[in-house]
Protein backbone atom coordinates (compact mmCIF):
# COMPACT_ATOMS: atom_id res chain seq x y z
CA MET A 1 0.24 0.11 -0.10
CA SER A 2 1.67 2.94 -0.78
CA ILE A 3 1.06 6.44 1.35
CA GLU A 4 0.15 7.86 -1.40
CA SER A 5 -3.48 5.73 -1.02
CA LEU A 6 -3.84 6.51 2.16
CA ARG A 7 -4.46 10.05 1.89
CA THR A 8 -7.55 11.67 3.79
CA ASP A 9 -9.36 12.24 0.79
CA GLU A 10 -11.15 9.00 0.98
CA SER A 11 -14.22 8.17 1.13
CA ILE A 12 -15.87 9.67 4.45
CA ASN A 13 -18.11 6.60 4.94
CA GLU A 14 -14.86 4.40 4.73
CA ILE A 15 -13.13 6.49 7.75
CA PHE A 16 -16.22 6.72 9.60
CA SER A 17 -17.39 3.28 9.51
CA LEU A 18 -13.45 1.82 10.57
CA TYR A 19 -12.91 3.80 13.27
CA SER A 20 -16.58 5.64 14.87
CA ASP A 21 -17.63 3.37 17.34
CA MET A 22 -13.87 3.19 18.26
CA VAL A 23 -13.09 7.12 18.79
CA TYR A 24 -16.14 7.14 20.84
CA ARG A 25 -15.58 3.87 22.96
CA ILE A 26 -12.64 6.09 23.65
CA ALA A 27 -14.64 9.47 24.31
CA VAL A 28 -17.25 8.12 26.64
CA SER A 29 -14.49 6.10 29.19
CA MET A 30 -12.28 9.14 29.32
CA VAL A 31 -14.89 11.85 30.15
CA LYS A 32 -17.56 9.82 31.04
CA SER A 33 -20.39 12.21 29.59
CA LYS A 34 -22.41 10.78 26.42
CA THR A 35 -22.70 14.31 25.33
CA ASN A 36 -18.82 15.44 26.13
CA ALA A 37 -17.98 12.22 24.27
CA ASP A 38 -19.98 13.70 20.78
CA ASP A 39 -18.12 16.84 20.86
CA ILE A 40 -14.96 14.95 21.12
CA TYR A 41 -15.76 12.82 18.41
CA GLN A 42 -16.68 15.42 16.12
CA ASP A 43 -14.01 16.70 17.01
CA VAL A 44 -11.36 13.95 16.22
CA PHE A 45 -13.24 13.27 12.80
CA TYR A 46 -12.93 17.68 11.71
CA LYS A 47 -9.35 17.74 12.78
CA TYR A 48 -8.88 14.38 10.34
CA PHE A 49 -10.80 15.42 7.87
CA LYS A 50 -9.50 19.72 8.04
CA LYS A 51 -5.83 18.24 7.57
CA HIS A 52 -4.49 16.53 4.26
CA ARG A 53 -2.39 14.07 6.33
CA HIS A 54 -0.42 11.60 4.45
CA PHE A 55 -0.08 7.96 6.41
CA GLU A 56 2.39 5.14 6.17
CA SER A 57 -0.11 2.10 6.49
CA GLU A 58 -4.05 1.90 7.51
CA GLU A 59 -2.04 1.44 10.94
CA HIS A 60 -0.68 4.55 11.11
CA ARG A 61 -4.19 5.98 10.68
CA LYS A 62 -5.76 4.30 13.30
CA TYR A 63 -2.93 5.65 15.92
CA TRP A 64 -3.28 8.51 14.66
CA ILE A 65 -6.95 8.71 15.52
CA ILE A 66 -6.27 6.82 19.17
CA LYS A 67 -3.74 9.53 19.76
CA THR A 68 -5.75 11.90 18.52
CA THR A 69 -8.57 11.37 20.68
CA ILE A 70 -7.08 10.75 23.43
CA ASN A 71 -5.37 14.23 23.39
CA THR A 72 -8.88 15.72 22.85
CA CYS A 73 -9.92 14.21 25.77
CA LYS A 74 -7.14 15.51 27.90
CA LYS A 75 -7.77 19.09 26.56
CA TYR A 76 -11.27 18.73 27.56
CA TRP A 77 -10.27 17.81 30.74
CA SER A 78 -7.43 20.70 31.65
CA SER A 79 -10.33 23.50 29.41
CA SER A 80 -11.42 26.36 31.47
CA TRP A 81 -14.97 25.36 30.12
CA PHE A 82 -14.46 21.97 32.10
CA LYS A 83 -13.73 23.50 35.01
CA LYS A 84 -15.95 26.42 35.45
CA THR A 85 -19.17 24.49 34.91
CA ILE A 86 -20.49 21.81 37.01
CA PRO A 87 -21.70 18.80 34.89
CA LEU A 88 -25.38 17.42 35.16
CA GLU A 89 -25.38 13.43 35.11
CA ASP A 90 -25.35 11.26 31.95
CA ASN A 91 -27.66 8.37 31.91
CA PHE A 92 -25.53 5.29 31.45
CA ILE A 93 -27.93 2.67 31.69
CA TYR A 94 -26.07 -1.46 31.70
CA GLU A 95 -28.40 -4.35 31.58
CA GLN A 96 -25.73 -6.35 34.51
CA LYS A 97 -24.87 -4.49 37.77
CA GLU A 98 -21.27 -5.98 37.76
CA GLU A 99 -20.94 -4.41 33.84
CA ASN A 100 -21.75 -1.21 36.12
CA LEU A 101 -19.67 -2.15 39.07
CA LEU A 102 -16.65 -2.17 36.91
CA GLN A 103 -17.40 0.58 34.55
CA ASP A 104 -17.17 2.82 38.41
CA GLU A 105 -14.43 1.48 39.21
CA LEU A 106 -12.33 2.08 35.90
CA ASP A 107 -13.90 5.58 36.16
CA LYS A 108 -11.96 5.78 38.91
CA LEU A 109 -8.21 4.99 37.71
CA PRO A 110 -6.02 7.24 36.99
CA SER A 111 -6.33 8.29 33.36
CA LYS A 112 -3.21 6.10 32.29
CA TYR A 113 -4.16 3.31 33.49
CA LYS A 114 -7.59 3.21 32.17
CA ILE A 115 -6.26 4.29 28.69
CA VAL A 116 -4.09 1.01 28.19
CA ILE A 117 -6.76 -1.11 30.08
CA HIS A 118 -9.39 -0.02 27.98
CA LEU A 119 -7.15 -0.09 24.54
CA PHE A 120 -6.13 -3.69 25.37
CA TYR A 121 -9.51 -4.82 26.61
CA PHE A 122 -12.49 -3.17 25.12
CA GLU A 123 -10.50 -2.41 21.14
CA ASP A 124 -8.09 -5.77 21.45
CA MET A 125 -5.04 -4.11 21.06
CA SER A 126 -1.74 -5.63 21.40
CA VAL A 127 0.28 -4.56 24.25
CA SER A 128 2.88 -3.88 20.62
CA GLU A 129 0.14 -1.54 19.08
CA ILE A 130 -0.70 0.46 22.17
CA SER A 131 2.92 1.23 22.92
CA LYS A 132 3.29 2.20 19.06
CA SER A 133 -0.41 4.55 19.68
CA LEU A 134 0.31 5.89 22.77
CA HIS A 135 4.62 6.43 21.81
CA ILE A 136 5.79 5.22 25.26
CA ASN A 137 7.91 1.26 25.54
CA GLU A 138 5.97 -1.63 25.91
CA GLY A 139 7.33 -2.55 28.91
CA THR A 140 5.24 0.72 30.29
CA VAL A 141 2.31 -0.74 28.76
CA ARG A 142 2.84 -3.61 30.51
CA MET A 143 3.32 -2.23 33.71
CA GLN A 144 0.31 0.03 33.59
CA LEU A 145 -2.23 -2.81 32.24
CA THR A 146 -0.30 -4.45 35.41
CA ARG A 147 -0.97 -1.96 38.19
CA GLY A 148 -4.79 -1.17 36.49
CA ARG A 149 -5.25 -4.78 36.44
CA ARG A 150 -4.20 -5.09 40.28
CA MET A 151 -6.14 -1.13 41.53
CA LEU A 152 -9.34 -2.82 39.60
CA LYS A 153 -9.07 -6.17 42.16
CA GLU A 154 -8.20 -4.37 44.88
CA ASN A 155 -11.06 -2.20 44.67
CA ILE A 156 -13.68 -4.54 43.03
CA GLY A 157 -12.62 -7.68 45.24
CA GLY A 158 -11.31 -10.78 43.80
CA ASP A 159 -14.91 -12.58 44.39
CA PHE A 160 -15.59 -10.79 40.91
CA PHE A 161 -12.42 -11.67 38.74
CA ASP A 162 -12.72 -15.54 40.10
């Protein structure tokens, strides 16, 4: 696949179908609000289509989209708008009580652990893929996964993981 074939002027529908669910899940996971995740989702794709970037591979495109989503979420958290407002509660309804407990505990994790756990378990990315997309060492990814799992196990209790 040549660099020329991976320009951002490809079919908008094709790009949305490949990455829209992933971007939205990451945004909801990080900002814990459907409304704000919608804004982040739109911002990420606006940035993607606004710039005429060239990607070395489809993997490179995916990593750029993941990194942009994460950075946009971080920018949201540090914005003066977020700091000066009190968010209305979004009603996330989960069918099972265990899923609700797990999501609540995931939300309590520090951002660096939540991101790698989300990418590993919910986006089915390997340690190597996470390392490339976040620009951190594979050892750091493994350590963050281990520590994040340990925090979840301590907070939820061993029975949940058995």
